[in-house]
Amino acid sequence: MELLSHSALLRCPSSQALKSRVRFGDFSAIVLPKSLQFSTHPQKLRFMEAQRTVSCAAGAGENGLPVTKIPETVGRIGEVKRVTKETNVFVKLNLDGSGIADSSTSIPFLDHMLDQLASHGLFDVHVRATGDIHIDDHHTNEDVALAIGTSLLQALGDRKGINRFGDFSAPLDEALIHVSLDLSGRPHLSYDLQIPTERVGTYDTQLVEHFFQSVVNTSGMTLHIRQLAGKNSHHIIEATFKAFARALRQATEYDPRRRSSVPSSKGVLSRS
């Protein structure tokens, strides 16, 4: 059994707690529990269950002294592969990410909007998609959105402890978009954008509504999108994705007062 020296204790994150209970000196007159034994040197205290008592004793650092090993935190992750005769789509979504954007859909404007979802939602969004864009962007746009909604559904799990509701208004120059959503398990979209042009670059602006309808259908989300102001098509759409990202971030984050309970008076939030 390895002895814990005074210098080793000082290096451990729990050393203060140990120091408050342990004093170095002659312990010959003190009766201790069987779990504690002494070495031949009274100033050196031996712990029979050191790994459980001192969590930092898991590995050796400089000079052979114990170092702390912090376990990796696994986020809430959904991963979906969707393959049809029209498209081949892979989506991996981490709700507890840091805003990593890694999307390649062969639709440049859609990639730009997915970057907004990652950056402003602080989600890690990985998307790979190929499809029949020689016809148009419709099928690829739809199937990417369906896969994102399904990955969100997976990542949410039983939805215990989350805020459930999200609400955000995002300005972008002259445009102002309000998004309110509920991770209720009941799919519904209320969409009110007045996008003045038919295209932004090569992207058909009708596909914006279809994108959100597809996300709603597979995630089981109630989603309301309202345009409060705006004249520029790019600004209107980008502000919509930013507002959606921030509202979704609010809804998926944990409520510290709720702990592990489901945010519903019914006690369950189901997809159906």
C-alpha atoms as a PDB file:
ATOM      1  CA  MET A   1       0.000   0.000   0.000  1.00  0.00           C
ATOM      2  CA  GLU A   2       1.448   3.382  -1.050  1.00  0.00           C
ATOM      3  CA  LEU A   3       1.962   5.938   1.741  1.00  0.00           C
ATOM      4  CA  LEU A   4       0.487   9.412   1.400  1.00  0.00           C
ATOM      5  CA  SER A   5       3.106  11.951   2.333  1.00  0.00           C
ATOM      6  CA  HIS A   6       2.365  15.444   3.576  1.00  0.00           C
ATOM      7  CA  SER A   7       3.519  16.911   0.234  1.00  0.00           C
ATOM      8  CA  ALA A   8       1.242  14.511  -1.660  1.00  0.00           C
ATOM      9  CA  LEU A   9      -1.714  15.547   0.450  1.00  0.00           C
ATOM     10  CA  LEU A  10      -1.044  19.179  -0.345  1.00  0.00           C
ATOM     11  CA  ARG A  11      -1.187  18.415  -4.078  1.00  0.00           C
ATOM     12  CA  CYS A  12      -4.589  16.735  -3.905  1.00  0.00           C
ATOM     13  CA  PRO A  13      -7.847  18.682  -4.330  1.00  0.00           C
ATOM     14  CA  SER A  14      -9.215  16.981  -1.199  1.00  0.00           C
ATOM     15  CA  SER A  15      -6.136  17.774   0.892  1.00  0.00           C
ATOM     16  CA  GLN A  16      -7.838  20.507   2.901  1.00  0.00           C
ATOM     17  CA  ALA A  17     -10.544  18.073   3.970  1.00  0.00           C
ATOM     18  CA  LEU A  18      -7.903  15.508   4.946  1.00  0.00           C
ATOM     19  CA  LYS A  19      -5.753  18.053   6.767  1.00  0.00           C
ATOM     20  CA  SER A  20      -8.740  19.082   8.862  1.00  0.00           C
ATOM     21  CA  ARG A  21      -9.039  15.487  10.105  1.00  0.00           C
ATOM     22  CA  VAL A  22      -5.384  14.427  10.280  1.00  0.00           C
ATOM     23  CA  ARG A  23      -2.626  15.812  12.486  1.00  0.00           C
ATOM     24  CA  PHE A  24       0.912  14.525  12.248  1.00  0.00           C
ATOM     25  CA  GLY A  25       2.560  13.444  15.469  1.00  0.00           C
ATOM     26  CA  ASP A  26       2.688  10.519  17.890  1.00  0.00           C
ATOM     27  CA  PHE A  27      -0.560   8.540  17.614  1.00  0.00           C
ATOM     28  CA  SER A  28       0.482   5.738  19.942  1.00  0.00           C
ATOM     29  CA  ALA A  29      -2.118   6.635  22.560  1.00  0.00           C
ATOM     30  CA  ILE A  30      -4.992   7.054  20.118  1.00  0.00           C
ATOM     31  CA  VAL A  31      -7.374   4.239  19.200  1.00  0.00           C
ATOM     32  CA  LEU A  32      -8.297   4.480  15.484  1.00  0.00           C
ATOM     33  CA  PRO A  33     -10.731   2.524  13.302  1.00  0.00           C
ATOM     34  CA  LYS A  34      -9.438  -0.652  11.706  1.00  0.00           C
ATOM     35  CA  SER A  35      -9.501   1.040   8.291  1.00  0.00           C
ATOM     36  CA  LEU A  36      -6.558   3.195   9.434  1.00  0.00           C
ATOM     37  CA  GLN A  37      -3.147   1.707  10.154  1.00  0.00           C
ATOM     38  CA  PHE A  38       0.206   3.184  11.052  1.00  0.00           C
ATOM     39  CA  SER A  39       3.561   2.579   9.471  1.00  0.00           C
ATOM     40  CA  THR A  40       6.615   2.091  11.629  1.00  0.00           C
ATOM     41  CA  HIS A  41       7.056   5.856  11.482  1.00  0.00           C
ATOM     42  CA  PRO A  42       4.269   7.519  13.497  1.00  0.00           C
ATOM     43  CA  GLN A  43       4.361  10.663  11.363  1.00  0.00           C
ATOM     44  CA  LYS A  44       3.287   8.680   8.275  1.00  0.00           C
ATOM     45  CA  LEU A  45      -0.352   7.723   8.175  1.00  0.00           C
ATOM     46  CA  ARG A  46      -1.463   4.832   5.967  1.00  0.00           C
ATOM     47  CA  PHE A  47      -4.934   4.679   4.473  1.00  0.00           C
ATOM     48  CA  MET A  48      -6.230   1.217   3.648  1.00  0.00           C
ATOM     49  CA  GLU A  49      -8.717   2.630   1.146  1.00  0.00           C
ATOM     50  CA  ALA A  50      -6.672   5.463  -0.275  1.00  0.00           C
ATOM     51  CA  GLN A  51      -8.195   5.361  -3.728  1.00  0.00           C
ATOM     52  CA  ARG A  52     -11.647   5.944  -2.362  1.00  0.00           C
ATOM     53  CA  THR A  53     -10.523   8.487   0.235  1.00  0.00           C
ATOM     54  CA  VAL A  54      -8.165  10.461  -2.007  1.00  0.00           C
ATOM     55  CA  SER A  55      -9.573  10.658  -5.495  1.00  0.00           C
ATOM     56  CA  CYS A  56      -6.380  12.151  -6.878  1.00  0.00           C
ATOM     57  CA  ALA A  57      -4.398   8.939  -6.226  1.00  0.00           C
ATOM     58  CA  ALA A  58      -5.337   7.550  -9.612  1.00  0.00           C
ATOM     59  CA  GLY A  59      -2.129   8.400 -11.469  1.00  0.00           C
ATOM     60  CA  ALA A  60       1.417   9.627 -10.998  1.00  0.00           C
ATOM     61  CA  GLY A  61       2.602  13.086 -11.929  1.00  0.00           C
ATOM     62  CA  GLU A  62       5.893  14.883 -11.475  1.00  0.00           C
ATOM     63  CA  ASN A  63       8.291  13.233  -8.985  1.00  0.00           C
ATOM     64  CA  GLY A  64       5.908  10.285  -8.747  1.00  0.00           C
ATOM     65  CA  LEU A  65       3.351  12.277  -6.765  1.00  0.00           C
ATOM     66  CA  PRO A  66      -0.397  11.653  -7.264  1.00  0.00           C
ATOM     67  CA  VAL A  67      -2.256  13.845  -9.740  1.00  0.00           C
ATOM     68  CA  THR A  68      -5.940  14.468 -10.244  1.00  0.00           C
ATOM     69  CA  LYS A  69      -7.681  12.730 -13.109  1.00  0.00           C
ATOM     70  CA  ILE A  70     -10.980  14.390 -14.003  1.00  0.00           C
ATOM     71  CA  PRO A  71     -13.418  12.002 -15.705  1.00  0.00           C
ATOM     72  CA  GLU A  72     -14.563  13.044 -19.144  1.00  0.00           C
ATOM     73  CA  THR A  73     -18.107  14.383 -19.280  1.00  0.00           C
ATOM     74  CA  VAL A  74     -20.307  12.781 -21.887  1.00  0.00           C
ATOM     75  CA  GLY A  75     -22.854  15.182 -23.328  1.00  0.00           C
ATOM     76  CA  ARG A  76     -26.379  14.525 -24.512  1.00  0.00           C
ATOM     77  CA  ILE A  77     -25.756  13.314 -28.016  1.00  0.00           C
ATOM     78  CA  GLY A  78     -28.012  12.238 -30.855  1.00  0.00           C
ATOM     79  CA  GLU A  79     -26.655  10.546 -33.953  1.00  0.00           C
ATOM     80  CA  VAL A  80     -28.669   9.740 -37.075  1.00  0.00           C
ATOM     81  CA  LYS A  81     -27.900   8.306 -40.479  1.00  0.00           C
ATOM     82  CA  ARG A  82     -30.681   8.672 -43.044  1.00  0.00           C
ATOM     83  CA  VAL A  83     -30.309   7.066 -46.469  1.00  0.00           C
ATOM     84  CA  THR A  84     -32.902   7.187 -49.242  1.00  0.00           C
ATOM     85  CA  LYS A  85     -32.797   6.985 -53.035  1.00  0.00           C
ATOM     86  CA  GLU A  86     -32.614  10.785 -53.019  1.00  0.00           C
ATOM     87  CA  THR A  87     -30.187  11.614 -50.206  1.00  0.00           C
ATOM     88  CA  ASN A  88     -27.515  10.282 -47.873  1.00  0.00           C
ATOM     89  CA  VAL A  89     -27.447  12.222 -44.601  1.00  0.00           C
ATOM     90  CA  PHE A  90     -25.463  11.885 -41.369  1.00  0.00           C
ATOM     91  CA  VAL A  91     -26.088  14.139 -38.352  1.00  0.00           C
ATOM     92  CA  LYS A  92     -24.444  14.165 -34.938  1.00  0.00           C
ATOM     93  CA  LEU A  93     -25.744  16.695 -32.419  1.00  0.00           C
ATOM     94  CA  ASN A  94     -24.311  17.378 -28.962  1.00  0.00           C
ATOM     95  CA  LEU A  95     -26.594  19.549 -26.840  1.00  0.00           C
ATOM     96  CA  ASP A  96     -23.851  20.069 -24.254  1.00  0.00           C
ATOM     97  CA  GLY A  97     -21.229  21.150 -26.759  1.00  0.00           C
ATOM     98  CA  SER A  98     -19.218  24.313 -27.226  1.00  0.00           C
ATOM     99  CA  GLY A  99     -20.530  25.599 -30.550  1.00  0.00           C
ATOM    100  CA  ILE A 100     -18.508  23.461 -32.954  1.00  0.00           C
ATOM    101  CA  ALA A 101     -19.896  23.885 -36.472  1.00  0.00           C
ATOM    102  CA  ASP A 102     -18.971  21.213 -38.978  1.00  0.00           C
ATOM    103  CA  SER A 103     -21.555  21.020 -41.742  1.00  0.00           C
ATOM    104  CA  SER A 104     -21.273  20.112 -45.407  1.00  0.00           C
ATOM    105  CA  THR A 105     -24.610  19.660 -47.173  1.00  0.00           C
ATOM    106  CA  SER A 106     -23.691  20.768 -50.727  1.00  0.00           C
ATOM    107  CA  ILE A 107     -26.063  23.707 -50.097  1.00  0.00           C
ATOM    108  CA  PRO A 108     -23.835  26.647 -49.087  1.00  0.00           C
ATOM    109  CA  PHE A 109     -26.582  28.821 -47.609  1.00  0.00           C
ATOM    110  CA  LEU A 110     -27.925  25.922 -45.531  1.00  0.00           C
ATOM    111  CA  ASP A 111     -24.399  25.268 -44.228  1.00  0.00           C
ATOM    112  CA  HIS A 112     -24.237  28.936 -43.221  1.00  0.00           C
ATOM    113  CA  MET A 113     -27.524  28.624 -41.301  1.00  0.00           C
ATOM    114  CA  LEU A 114     -26.418  25.426 -39.547  1.00  0.00           C
ATOM    115  CA  ASP A 115     -23.329  27.343 -38.430  1.00  0.00           C
ATOM    116  CA  GLN A 116     -25.703  29.803 -36.716  1.00  0.00           C
ATOM    117  CA  LEU A 117     -27.447  26.917 -34.956  1.00  0.00           C
ATOM    118  CA  ALA A 118     -24.131  25.675 -33.574  1.00  0.00           C
ATOM    119  CA  SER A 119     -22.620  29.041 -32.704  1.00  0.00           C
ATOM    120  CA  HIS A 120     -25.618  30.624 -30.982  1.00  0.00           C
ATOM    121  CA  GLY A 121     -27.028  27.457 -29.426  1.00  0.00           C
ATOM    122  CA  LEU A 122     -23.595  26.300 -28.230  1.00  0.00           C
ATOM    123  CA  PHE A 123     -24.379  22.929 -29.763  1.00  0.00           C
ATOM    124  CA  ASP A 124     -21.829  20.788 -31.571  1.00  0.00           C
ATOM    125  CA  VAL A 125     -23.403  20.238 -34.995  1.00  0.00           C
ATOM    126  CA  HIS A 126     -21.831  17.772 -37.412  1.00  0.00           C
ATOM    127  CA  VAL A 127     -23.680  17.266 -40.707  1.00  0.00           C
ATOM    128  CA  ARG A 128     -22.695  15.439 -43.872  1.00  0.00           C
ATOM    129  CA  ALA A 129     -25.184  15.255 -46.713  1.00  0.00           C
ATOM    130  CA  THR A 130     -25.256  14.435 -50.389  1.00  0.00           C
ATOM    131  CA  GLY A 131     -28.370  14.424 -52.531  1.00  0.00           C
ATOM    132  CA  ASP A 132     -30.049  15.057 -55.838  1.00  0.00           C
ATOM    133  CA  ILE A 133     -29.241  18.763 -55.890  1.00  0.00           C
ATOM    134  CA  HIS A 134     -28.955  18.521 -59.680  1.00  0.00           C
ATOM    135  CA  ILE A 135     -32.776  18.566 -59.491  1.00  0.00           C
ATOM    136  CA  ASP A 136     -33.082  21.110 -56.675  1.00  0.00           C
ATOM    137  CA  ASP A 137     -32.252  21.524 -52.966  1.00  0.00           C
ATOM    138  CA  HIS A 138     -35.647  20.369 -51.705  1.00  0.00           C
ATOM    139  CA  HIS A 139     -34.891  16.749 -50.762  1.00  0.00           C
ATOM    140  CA  THR A 140     -31.510  17.466 -49.188  1.00  0.00           C
ATOM    141  CA  ASN A 141     -32.862  20.428 -47.207  1.00  0.00           C
ATOM    142  CA  GLU A 142     -35.764  18.304 -45.958  1.00  0.00           C
ATOM    143  CA  ASP A 143     -33.767  15.206 -45.039  1.00  0.00           C
ATOM    144  CA  VAL A 144     -31.092  17.194 -43.206  1.00  0.00           C
ATOM    145  CA  ALA A 145     -33.847  18.826 -41.147  1.00  0.00           C
ATOM    146  CA  LEU A 146     -35.553  15.476 -40.473  1.00  0.00           C
ATOM    147  CA  ALA A 147     -32.255  14.028 -39.263  1.00  0.00           C
ATOM    148  CA  ILE A 148     -31.558  17.063 -37.046  1.00  0.00           C
ATOM    149  CA  GLY A 149     -34.997  16.708 -35.458  1.00  0.00           C
ATOM    150  CA  THR A 150     -34.446  12.994 -34.858  1.00  0.00           C
ATOM    151  CA  SER A 151     -31.004  13.565 -33.343  1.00  0.00           C
ATOM    152  CA  LEU A 152     -32.524  16.220 -31.055  1.00  0.00           C
ATOM    153  CA  LEU A 153     -35.181  13.719 -29.987  1.00  0.00           C
ATOM    154  CA  GLN A 154     -32.483  11.159 -29.168  1.00  0.00           C
ATOM    155  CA  ALA A 155     -30.293  13.627 -27.292  1.00  0.00           C
ATOM    156  CA  LEU A 156     -33.163  14.874 -25.114  1.00  0.00           C
ATOM    157  CA  GLY A 157     -33.984  11.390 -23.824  1.00  0.00           C
ATOM    158  CA  ASP A 158     -36.663  11.503 -21.124  1.00  0.00           C
ATOM    159  CA  ARG A 159     -36.254  15.314 -20.871  1.00  0.00           C
ATOM    160  CA  LYS A 160     -35.852  15.218 -17.100  1.00  0.00           C
ATOM    161  CA  GLY A 161     -34.606  18.431 -15.529  1.00  0.00           C
ATOM    162  CA  ILE A 162     -34.673  20.601 -18.653  1.00  0.00           C
ATOM    163  CA  ASN A 163     -36.290  24.029 -18.880  1.00  0.00           C
ATOM    164  CA  ARG A 164     -38.536  22.749 -21.688  1.00  0.00           C
ATOM    165  CA  PHE A 165     -39.545  26.248 -22.877  1.00  0.00           C
ATOM    166  CA  GLY A 166     -37.421  28.684 -24.857  1.00  0.00           C
ATOM    167  CA  ASP A 167     -38.134  32.216 -26.048  1.00  0.00           C
ATOM    168  CA  PHE A 168     -35.850  34.642 -27.855  1.00  0.00           C
ATOM    169  CA  SER A 169     -35.975  37.657 -30.165  1.00  0.00           C
ATOM    170  CA  ALA A 170     -32.963  38.182 -32.421  1.00  0.00           C
ATOM    171  CA  PRO A 171     -32.218  41.406 -34.321  1.00  0.00           C
ATOM    172  CA  LEU A 172     -30.035  41.519 -37.402  1.00  0.00           C
ATOM    173  CA  ASP A 173     -29.774  45.063 -38.700  1.00  0.00           C
ATOM    174  CA  GLU A 174     -33.316  46.007 -39.805  1.00  0.00           C
ATOM    175  CA  ALA A 175     -34.700  42.489 -39.224  1.00  0.00           C
ATOM    176  CA  LEU A 176     -36.191  41.331 -35.919  1.00  0.00           C
ATOM    177  CA  ILE A 177     -37.426  37.768 -35.441  1.00  0.00           C
ATOM    178  CA  HIS A 178     -39.161  36.261 -32.433  1.00  0.00           C
ATOM    179  CA  VAL A 179     -39.053  32.501 -31.740  1.00  0.00           C
ATOM    180  CA  SER A 180     -40.895  30.699 -28.967  1.00  0.00           C
ATOM    181  CA  LEU A 181     -40.785  26.937 -28.532  1.00  0.00           C
ATOM    182  CA  ASP A 182     -41.883  24.119 -26.270  1.00  0.00           C
ATOM    183  CA  LEU A 183     -40.207  20.706 -26.167  1.00  0.00           C
ATOM    184  CA  SER A 184     -43.594  19.226 -25.422  1.00  0.00           C
ATOM    185  CA  GLY A 185     -43.509  16.088 -27.535  1.00  0.00           C
ATOM    186  CA  ARG A 186     -46.336  17.521 -29.659  1.00  0.00           C
ATOM    187  CA  PRO A 187     -45.243  18.659 -33.142  1.00  0.00           C
ATOM    188  CA  HIS A 188     -46.675  21.981 -34.276  1.00  0.00           C
ATOM    189  CA  LEU A 189     -45.297  24.824 -36.402  1.00  0.00           C
ATOM    190  CA  SER A 190     -46.719  28.328 -36.575  1.00  0.00           C
ATOM    191  CA  TYR A 191     -44.680  30.222 -39.175  1.00  0.00           C
ATOM    192  CA  ASP A 192     -45.035  33.866 -40.144  1.00  0.00           C
ATOM    193  CA  LEU A 193     -42.117  35.186 -42.193  1.00  0.00           C
ATOM    194  CA  GLN A 194     -42.473  37.551 -45.115  1.00  0.00           C
ATOM    195  CA  ILE A 195     -39.320  36.915 -47.139  1.00  0.00           C
ATOM    196  CA  PRO A 196     -39.374  39.364 -50.059  1.00  0.00           C
ATOM    197  CA  THR A 197     -37.259  37.420 -52.572  1.00  0.00           C
ATOM    198  CA  GLU A 198     -37.595  33.910 -53.981  1.00  0.00           C
ATOM    199  CA  ARG A 199     -33.920  33.121 -53.543  1.00  0.00           C
ATOM    200  CA  VAL A 200     -30.895  34.015 -51.425  1.00  0.00           C
ATOM    201  CA  GLY A 201     -28.008  33.105 -53.663  1.00  0.00           C
ATOM    202  CA  THR A 202     -29.135  29.763 -55.063  1.00  0.00           C
ATOM    203  CA  TYR A 203     -31.228  28.850 -52.010  1.00  0.00           C
ATOM    204  CA  ASP A 204     -34.993  28.739 -52.496  1.00  0.00           C
ATOM    205  CA  THR A 205     -36.461  30.763 -49.626  1.00  0.00           C
ATOM    206  CA  GLN A 206     -39.570  28.540 -49.552  1.00  0.00           C
ATOM    207  CA  LEU A 207     -37.307  25.877 -48.071  1.00  0.00           C
ATOM    208  CA  VAL A 208     -36.961  27.822 -44.806  1.00  0.00           C
ATOM    209  CA  GLU A 209     -40.480  26.922 -43.706  1.00  0.00           C
ATOM    210  CA  HIS A 210     -40.030  23.371 -44.944  1.00  0.00           C
ATOM    211  CA  PHE A 211     -36.814  23.047 -42.931  1.00  0.00           C
ATOM    212  CA  PHE A 212     -38.486  24.020 -39.668  1.00  0.00           C
ATOM    213  CA  GLN A 213     -41.567  21.907 -40.384  1.00  0.00           C
ATOM    214  CA  SER A 214     -39.321  18.880 -40.827  1.00  0.00           C
ATOM    215  CA  VAL A 215     -37.427  19.573 -37.574  1.00  0.00           C
ATOM    216  CA  VAL A 216     -40.733  19.934 -35.749  1.00  0.00           C
ATOM    217  CA  ASN A 217     -42.158  16.718 -37.174  1.00  0.00           C
ATOM    218  CA  THR A 218     -39.339  14.456 -35.995  1.00  0.00           C
ATOM    219  CA  SER A 219     -38.394  16.183 -32.723  1.00  0.00           C
ATOM    220  CA  GLY A 220     -41.905  16.610 -31.337  1.00  0.00           C
ATOM    221  CA  MET A 221     -41.520  20.340 -30.811  1.00  0.00           C
ATOM    222  CA  THR A 222     -44.053  23.157 -30.703  1.00  0.00           C
ATOM    223  CA  LEU A 223     -42.475  26.062 -32.574  1.00  0.00           C
ATOM    224  CA  HIS A 224     -43.706  29.607 -33.222  1.00  0.00           C
ATOM    225  CA  ILE A 225     -41.757  31.926 -35.551  1.00  0.00           C
ATOM    226  CA  ARG A 226     -42.789  35.569 -35.997  1.00  0.00           C
ATOM    227  CA  GLN A 227     -41.242  38.330 -38.058  1.00  0.00           C
ATOM    228  CA  LEU A 228     -41.473  41.639 -36.212  1.00  0.00           C
ATOM    229  CA  ALA A 229     -39.450  43.625 -38.754  1.00  0.00           C
ATOM    230  CA  GLY A 230     -37.252  43.099 -41.760  1.00  0.00           C
ATOM    231  CA  LYS A 231     -36.751  43.826 -45.470  1.00  0.00           C
ATOM    232  CA  ASN A 232     -33.607  41.960 -46.432  1.00  0.00           C
ATOM    233  CA  SER A 233     -34.175  38.256 -47.148  1.00  0.00           C
ATOM    234  CA  HIS A 234     -30.769  37.141 -45.908  1.00  0.00           C
ATOM    235  CA  HIS A 235     -31.161  39.093 -42.672  1.00  0.00           C
ATOM    236  CA  ILE A 236     -34.661  37.723 -42.041  1.00  0.00           C
ATOM    237  CA  ILE A 237     -33.610  34.096 -42.485  1.00  0.00           C
ATOM    238  CA  GLU A 238     -30.361  34.390 -40.559  1.00  0.00           C
ATOM    239  CA  ALA A 239     -32.063  36.173 -37.652  1.00  0.00           C
ATOM    240  CA  THR A 240     -34.605  33.326 -37.618  1.00  0.00           C
ATOM    241  CA  PHE A 241     -31.913  30.668 -37.229  1.00  0.00           C
ATOM    242  CA  LYS A 242     -30.153  32.713 -34.549  1.00  0.00           C
ATOM    243  CA  ALA A 243     -33.350  33.193 -32.560  1.00  0.00           C
ATOM    244  CA  PHE A 244     -34.191  29.505 -32.956  1.00  0.00           C
ATOM    245  CA  ALA A 245     -30.736  28.516 -31.717  1.00  0.00           C
ATOM    246  CA  ARG A 246     -30.960  30.703 -28.611  1.00  0.00           C
ATOM    247  CA  ALA A 247     -34.509  29.587 -27.801  1.00  0.00           C
ATOM    248  CA  LEU A 248     -33.534  25.930 -28.218  1.00  0.00           C
ATOM    249  CA  ARG A 249     -30.511  26.462 -26.008  1.00  0.00           C
ATOM    250  CA  GLN A 250     -32.759  27.856 -23.264  1.00  0.00           C
ATOM    251  CA  ALA A 251     -35.193  24.966 -23.572  1.00  0.00           C
ATOM    252  CA  THR A 252     -32.571  22.209 -23.508  1.00  0.00           C
ATOM    253  CA  GLU A 253     -30.529  23.596 -20.628  1.00  0.00           C
ATOM    254  CA  TYR A 254     -31.100  22.230 -17.133  1.00  0.00           C
ATOM    255  CA  ASP A 255     -33.199  23.989 -14.527  1.00  0.00           C
ATOM    256  CA  PRO A 256     -31.184  23.802 -11.268  1.00  0.00           C
ATOM    257  CA  ARG A 257     -34.364  23.907  -9.163  1.00  0.00           C
ATOM    258  CA  ARG A 258     -36.059  21.088 -11.039  1.00  0.00           C
ATOM    259  CA  ARG A 259     -33.239  18.595 -10.551  1.00  0.00           C
ATOM    260  CA  SER A 260     -34.249  15.287 -12.164  1.00  0.00           C
ATOM    261  CA  SER A 261     -38.005  15.706 -12.521  1.00  0.00           C
ATOM    262  CA  VAL A 262     -39.859  15.942 -15.825  1.00  0.00           C
ATOM    263  CA  PRO A 263     -41.098  19.506 -16.515  1.00  0.00           C
ATOM    264  CA  SER A 264     -44.734  18.500 -16.896  1.00  0.00           C
ATOM    265  CA  SER A 265     -47.680  18.222 -14.518  1.00  0.00           C
ATOM    266  CA  LYS A 266     -48.389  14.869 -16.219  1.00  0.00           C
ATOM    267  CA  GLY A 267     -44.981  13.583 -15.210  1.00  0.00           C
ATOM    268  CA  VAL A 268     -44.010  12.652 -18.772  1.00  0.00           C
ATOM    269  CA  LEU A 269     -43.152  14.393 -22.037  1.00  0.00           C
ATOM    270  CA  SER A 270     -43.738  11.919 -24.830  1.00  0.00           C
ATOM    271  CA  ARG A 271     -43.229  12.221 -28.559  1.00  0.00           C
ATOM    272  CA  SER A 272     -46.788  11.101 -29.354  1.00  0.00           C
END
